[in-house]
Amino acid sequence: MSRPAQRAKTAARSGKTRPAEVQASALRQTRREHANETAEDYAEAIAELTAATGEARATDLARRLGVSHVTVIRTVARLQRNGLVTTRPYRSIFLTEKGTRLAEASRQRHELVVEMLRALGVPEAVAQSDAEGIEHHVSPETLATFQRFLHRQAGTPQK
């Protein structure tokens, strides 16, 4: 949850009210963050499906992401408007160069979070599950700290 959204929630619980424009701004930020999370999840799933089977179809995405076919179609349309994917009716979905960069960054962030959680003793299945949420909310500074910690643990020089 974004800081503005957290502040809104805290203010609501404490009985303090905020001006409507402040609350609206916080909620817009939260919606943008959720849209980015969705884009990252879809880009990563499309890349994985393409690598495994040579294509990413809407039905495969729906199954992999646990959503309906209609949700996939609507989200893919938004991703296409944002320049992340290309598609044609009744054809596979392909990542653009921009979508490929997003998928790769998301995959790397996911792997780093999983590796950090495992280094802390979190079981593999739990680390994989928890990383799905953490990877979208961790700052670049925290990721860099994770990376330094893991390099020190392994005794390898940092890249």
Protein backbone atom coordinates (compact mmCIF):
# COMPACT_ATOMS: atom_id res chain seq x y z
CA MET A 1 0.00 0.00 0.00
CA SER A 2 1.38 3.44 -0.87
CA ARG A 3 2.29 5.93 1.83
CA PRO A 4 -0.56 8.31 0.87
CA ALA A 5 -3.04 5.43 1.04
CA GLN A 6 -1.64 4.34 4.41
CA ARG A 7 -1.99 7.89 5.74
CA ALA A 8 -5.57 8.01 4.48
CA LYS A 9 -6.38 4.77 6.25
CA THR A 10 -4.75 5.96 9.50
CA ALA A 11 -6.59 9.30 9.36
CA ALA A 12 -9.89 7.54 8.80
CA ARG A 13 -9.33 5.26 11.78
CA SER A 14 -8.30 8.13 14.06
CA GLY A 15 -11.35 10.19 13.16
CA LYS A 16 -9.25 12.89 11.51
CA THR A 17 -10.49 14.00 8.16
CA ARG A 18 -8.54 15.30 5.22
CA PRO A 19 -9.48 17.54 2.37
CA ALA A 20 -11.08 15.66 -0.52
CA GLU A 21 -8.28 16.55 -2.94
CA VAL A 22 -5.67 15.01 -0.63
CA GLN A 23 -7.63 11.80 -0.33
CA ALA A 24 -8.33 11.72 -4.07
CA SER A 25 -4.62 12.15 -4.79
CA ALA A 26 -3.73 9.27 -2.46
CA LEU A 27 -6.32 7.01 -4.05
CA ARG A 28 -5.16 7.87 -7.60
CA GLN A 29 -1.60 6.96 -6.59
CA THR A 30 -2.77 3.63 -5.18
CA ARG A 31 -4.68 2.84 -8.40
CA ARG A 32 -1.58 3.67 -10.50
CA GLU A 33 0.52 1.36 -8.34
CA HIS A 34 -2.00 -1.47 -8.70
CA ALA A 35 -2.06 -0.96 -12.48
CA ASN A 36 1.74 -1.19 -12.54
CA GLU A 37 1.65 -4.39 -10.46
CA THR A 38 -0.80 -5.92 -12.92
CA ALA A 39 1.32 -4.89 -15.90
CA GLU A 40 4.40 -6.45 -14.30
CA ASP A 41 2.56 -9.70 -13.50
CA TYR A 42 1.19 -9.98 -17.04
CA ALA A 43 4.51 -9.14 -18.70
CA GLU A 44 6.30 -11.72 -16.55
CA ALA A 45 3.66 -14.38 -17.28
CA ILE A 46 3.70 -13.66 -21.03
CA ALA A 47 7.50 -13.97 -21.08
CA GLU A 48 7.39 -17.25 -19.13
CA LEU A 49 4.69 -18.75 -21.36
CA THR A 50 6.49 -17.68 -24.53
CA ALA A 51 9.75 -19.20 -23.27
CA ALA A 52 8.03 -22.46 -22.26
CA THR A 53 5.60 -22.99 -25.14
CA GLY A 54 6.55 -20.51 -27.86
CA GLU A 55 3.41 -18.45 -27.38
CA ALA A 56 1.19 -16.79 -24.82
CA ARG A 57 -2.54 -17.19 -25.36
CA ALA A 58 -5.30 -15.47 -23.41
CA THR A 59 -6.61 -18.77 -22.05
CA ASP A 60 -3.13 -19.72 -20.80
CA LEU A 61 -2.72 -16.31 -19.14
CA ALA A 62 -6.12 -16.64 -17.47
CA ARG A 63 -5.19 -20.03 -16.07
CA ARG A 64 -1.73 -18.92 -14.93
CA LEU A 65 -2.92 -15.67 -13.31
CA GLY A 66 -6.13 -17.09 -11.84
CA VAL A 67 -8.42 -14.62 -13.59
CA SER A 68 -11.18 -14.86 -16.16
CA HIS A 69 -10.63 -14.82 -19.91
CA VAL A 70 -12.54 -11.51 -20.06
CA THR A 71 -10.20 -9.97 -17.48
CA VAL A 72 -7.20 -11.05 -19.56
CA ILE A 73 -8.68 -9.55 -22.74
CA ARG A 74 -9.38 -6.22 -21.02
CA THR A 75 -5.97 -6.08 -19.36
CA VAL A 76 -4.15 -7.04 -22.56
CA ALA A 77 -5.99 -4.21 -24.35
CA ARG A 78 -4.68 -1.78 -21.73
CA LEU A 79 -1.16 -3.23 -22.01
CA GLN A 80 -1.38 -2.81 -25.78
CA ARG A 81 -2.41 0.86 -25.37
CA ASN A 82 0.61 1.30 -23.08
CA GLY A 83 2.95 -0.19 -25.68
CA LEU A 84 3.83 -3.34 -23.70
CA VAL A 85 2.26 -6.01 -25.94
CA THR A 86 1.07 -6.63 -29.47
CA THR A 87 -1.76 -8.92 -30.41
CA ARG A 88 -4.30 -9.64 -33.11
CA PRO A 89 -7.70 -11.30 -32.76
CA TYR A 90 -7.43 -15.07 -32.25
CA ARG A 91 -3.63 -14.88 -32.16
CA SER A 92 -0.96 -15.10 -29.47
CA ILE A 93 0.10 -12.17 -27.31
CA PHE A 94 3.65 -10.89 -27.76
CA LEU A 95 5.73 -8.55 -25.63
CA THR A 96 7.12 -5.45 -27.27
CA GLU A 97 10.68 -4.39 -26.50
CA LYS A 98 9.28 -2.21 -23.71
CA GLY A 99 7.22 -5.14 -22.40
CA THR A 100 10.25 -7.43 -22.52
CA ARG A 101 12.28 -4.94 -20.45
CA LEU A 102 9.43 -4.75 -17.90
CA ALA A 103 9.18 -8.57 -17.72
CA GLU A 104 12.93 -8.95 -17.23
CA ALA A 105 13.08 -6.29 -14.51
CA SER A 106 10.11 -7.89 -12.75
CA ARG A 107 11.66 -11.36 -12.98
CA GLN A 108 14.99 -10.15 -11.59
CA ARG A 109 13.27 -8.31 -8.73
CA HIS A 110 11.21 -11.42 -7.94
CA GLU A 111 14.28 -13.67 -7.93
CA LEU A 112 16.20 -11.27 -5.68
CA VAL A 113 13.34 -11.07 -3.17
CA VAL A 114 12.99 -14.88 -3.15
CA GLU A 115 16.73 -15.28 -2.65
CA MET A 116 16.69 -12.82 0.25
CA LEU A 117 13.74 -14.54 1.91
CA ARG A 118 15.44 -17.94 1.57
CA ALA A 119 18.64 -16.46 3.08
CA LEU A 120 16.52 -15.46 6.07
CA GLY A 121 15.32 -19.05 6.44
CA VAL A 122 11.89 -18.69 4.84
CA PRO A 123 10.81 -22.01 3.25
CA GLU A 124 10.88 -22.08 -0.56
CA ALA A 125 7.11 -22.26 -1.12
CA VAL A 126 6.45 -19.43 1.32
CA ALA A 127 9.29 -17.34 -0.15
CA GLN A 128 7.85 -17.75 -3.66
CA SER A 129 4.36 -16.79 -2.50
CA ASP A 130 5.46 -13.83 -0.38
CA ALA A 131 7.73 -12.53 -3.13
CA GLU A 132 4.70 -12.12 -5.41
CA GLY A 133 3.50 -9.27 -3.20
CA ILE A 134 6.77 -7.89 -1.90
CA GLU A 135 8.39 -7.54 -5.34
CA HIS A 136 5.93 -4.82 -6.31
CA HIS A 137 6.42 -2.69 -3.23
CA VAL A 138 10.11 -2.87 -2.46
CA SER A 139 12.17 0.25 -3.20
CA PRO A 140 15.28 0.29 -5.37
CA GLU A 141 17.29 1.17 -2.25
CA THR A 142 16.01 -1.92 -0.43
CA LEU A 143 16.73 -4.11 -3.46
CA ALA A 144 20.29 -2.78 -3.57
CA THR A 145 20.65 -3.55 0.14
CA PHE A 146 19.33 -7.08 -0.41
CA GLN A 147 21.89 -7.51 -3.21
CA ARG A 148 24.79 -6.30 -1.05
CA PHE A 149 23.71 -8.54 1.83
CA LEU A 150 23.46 -11.61 -0.39
CA HIS A 151 26.88 -10.92 -1.95
CA ARG A 152 28.41 -10.61 1.53
CA GLN A 153 26.72 -13.85 2.60
CA ALA A 154 28.07 -15.65 -0.46
CA GLY A 155 31.50 -14.02 -0.18
CA THR A 156 31.34 -12.81 -3.78
CA PRO A 157 32.25 -9.34 -5.02
CA GLN A 158 29.33 -7.08 -5.84
CA LYS A 159 28.61 -6.43 -9.52
